[in-house]
């Protein structure tokens, strides 16, 4: 779902940044100017 939302928001003209497992050590840097934050997690990762 995250890829779908990213694509839809980009097509609508929004700037989209994705935070992946490799970025967990720098969320403040990536989210500092965020107006909206959406969280999408693969269901298999929640078990």
N, C-alpha and C. Protein backbone atom coordinates (compact mmCIF):
# COMPACT_ATOMS: atom_id res chain seq x y z
N UNK A 1 0.81 -1.20 0.00
CA UNK A 1 0.00 0.00 0.00
C UNK A 1 0.86 1.26 0.00
N UNK A 2 2.02 1.18 0.66
CA UNK A 2 2.89 2.35 0.71
C UNK A 2 3.33 2.82 -0.66
N UNK A 3 3.68 1.88 -1.53
CA UNK A 3 4.10 2.24 -2.89
C UNK A 3 2.95 2.86 -3.66
N UNK A 4 1.76 2.33 -3.46
CA UNK A 4 0.58 2.88 -4.14
C UNK A 4 0.33 4.32 -3.69
N UNK A 5 0.33 4.55 -2.38
CA UNK A 5 0.11 5.90 -1.88
C UNK A 5 1.22 6.84 -2.34
N UNK A 6 2.45 6.39 -2.32
CA UNK A 6 3.56 7.22 -2.80
C UNK A 6 3.32 7.65 -4.24
N UNK A 7 2.96 6.69 -5.06
CA UNK A 7 2.72 6.97 -6.48
C UNK A 7 1.56 7.96 -6.67
N UNK A 8 0.46 7.73 -5.97
CA UNK A 8 -0.70 8.61 -6.09
C UNK A 8 -0.39 10.03 -5.63
N UNK A 9 0.31 10.16 -4.52
CA UNK A 9 0.65 11.50 -4.03
C UNK A 9 1.63 12.20 -4.96
N UNK A 10 2.61 11.47 -5.49
CA UNK A 10 3.56 12.08 -6.43
C UNK A 10 2.82 12.55 -7.69
N UNK A 11 1.92 11.72 -8.20
CA UNK A 11 1.14 12.10 -9.39
C UNK A 11 0.26 13.32 -9.12
N UNK A 12 -0.09 13.53 -7.86
CA UNK A 12 -0.91 14.69 -7.49
C UNK A 12 -0.06 15.92 -7.21
N UNK A 13 1.27 15.79 -7.34
CA UNK A 13 2.15 16.94 -7.19
C UNK A 13 2.79 17.11 -5.84
N UNK A 14 2.63 16.14 -4.96
CA UNK A 14 3.22 16.24 -3.63
C UNK A 14 4.64 15.68 -3.61
N UNK A 15 5.46 16.21 -2.72
CA UNK A 15 6.78 15.65 -2.47
C UNK A 15 6.60 14.46 -1.53
N UNK A 16 7.19 13.33 -1.88
CA UNK A 16 7.03 12.12 -1.07
C UNK A 16 8.41 11.58 -0.70
N UNK A 17 8.58 11.29 0.58
CA UNK A 17 9.80 10.66 1.07
C UNK A 17 9.41 9.37 1.76
N UNK A 18 10.21 8.35 1.57
CA UNK A 18 9.94 7.07 2.21
C UNK A 18 11.02 6.76 3.23
N UNK A 19 10.59 6.29 4.36
CA UNK A 19 11.50 5.88 5.43
C UNK A 19 11.51 4.35 5.44
N UNK A 20 12.65 3.77 5.16
CA UNK A 20 12.76 2.31 5.14
C UNK A 20 13.58 1.83 6.34
N UNK A 21 13.74 0.55 6.45
CA UNK A 21 14.49 -0.03 7.57
C UNK A 21 15.91 0.52 7.66
N UNK A 22 16.49 0.86 6.52
CA UNK A 22 17.86 1.39 6.50
C UNK A 22 17.92 2.83 7.03
N UNK A 23 16.77 3.47 7.17
CA UNK A 23 16.73 4.88 7.60
C UNK A 23 16.28 5.06 9.04
N UNK A 24 16.10 3.98 9.77
CA UNK A 24 15.57 4.08 11.13
C UNK A 24 16.46 4.90 12.06
N UNK A 25 17.71 5.07 11.73
CA UNK A 25 18.61 5.83 12.60
C UNK A 25 18.53 7.34 12.33
N UNK A 26 17.75 7.77 11.35
CA UNK A 26 17.67 9.20 11.04
C UNK A 26 16.25 9.70 10.72
N UNK A 27 15.26 9.29 11.50
CA UNK A 27 13.89 9.74 11.20
C UNK A 27 13.71 11.24 11.38
N UNK A 28 14.38 11.83 12.36
CA UNK A 28 14.23 13.27 12.58
C UNK A 28 14.65 14.07 11.35
N UNK A 29 15.72 13.63 10.72
CA UNK A 29 16.21 14.32 9.52
C UNK A 29 15.20 14.19 8.38
N UNK A 30 14.66 13.00 8.19
CA UNK A 30 13.75 12.77 7.07
C UNK A 30 12.35 13.35 7.30
N UNK A 31 11.94 13.48 8.54
CA UNK A 31 10.58 13.93 8.84
C UNK A 31 10.51 15.37 9.36
N UNK A 32 11.63 16.06 9.40
CA UNK A 32 11.69 17.39 10.00
C UNK A 32 10.68 18.37 9.42
N UNK A 33 10.47 18.35 8.12
CA UNK A 33 9.59 19.32 7.47
C UNK A 33 8.27 18.70 7.01
N UNK A 34 7.95 17.54 7.52
CA UNK A 34 6.74 16.85 7.07
C UNK A 34 5.48 17.53 7.60
N UNK A 35 4.54 17.74 6.71
CA UNK A 35 3.23 18.26 7.11
C UNK A 35 2.30 17.11 7.45
N UNK A 36 2.47 15.99 6.77
CA UNK A 36 1.65 14.80 6.98
C UNK A 36 2.56 13.58 6.98
N UNK A 37 2.32 12.65 7.88
CA UNK A 37 3.08 11.41 7.93
C UNK A 37 2.10 10.26 7.84
N UNK A 38 2.31 9.36 6.90
CA UNK A 38 1.49 8.16 6.76
C UNK A 38 2.36 6.96 7.06
N UNK A 39 1.81 5.99 7.72
CA UNK A 39 2.56 4.78 8.04
C UNK A 39 1.91 3.61 7.33
N UNK A 40 2.72 2.88 6.59
CA UNK A 40 2.26 1.69 5.88
C UNK A 40 3.26 0.58 6.16
N UNK A 41 2.77 -0.51 6.70
CA UNK A 41 3.64 -1.62 7.10
C UNK A 41 3.13 -2.91 6.47
N UNK A 42 3.99 -3.69 5.84
CA UNK A 42 3.55 -4.98 5.30
C UNK A 42 3.00 -5.86 6.43
N UNK A 43 1.90 -6.48 6.20
CA UNK A 43 1.24 -7.26 7.24
C UNK A 43 2.16 -8.36 7.82
N UNK A 44 3.00 -8.94 6.99
CA UNK A 44 3.91 -9.99 7.49
C UNK A 44 4.93 -9.44 8.47
N UNK A 45 5.17 -8.13 8.43
CA UNK A 45 6.13 -7.51 9.36
C UNK A 45 5.51 -7.21 10.71
N UNK A 46 4.21 -7.35 10.83
CA UNK A 46 3.54 -7.03 12.09
C UNK A 46 3.34 -8.23 12.98
N UNK A 47 3.62 -9.39 12.49
CA UNK A 47 3.39 -10.62 13.27
C UNK A 47 4.52 -10.93 14.20
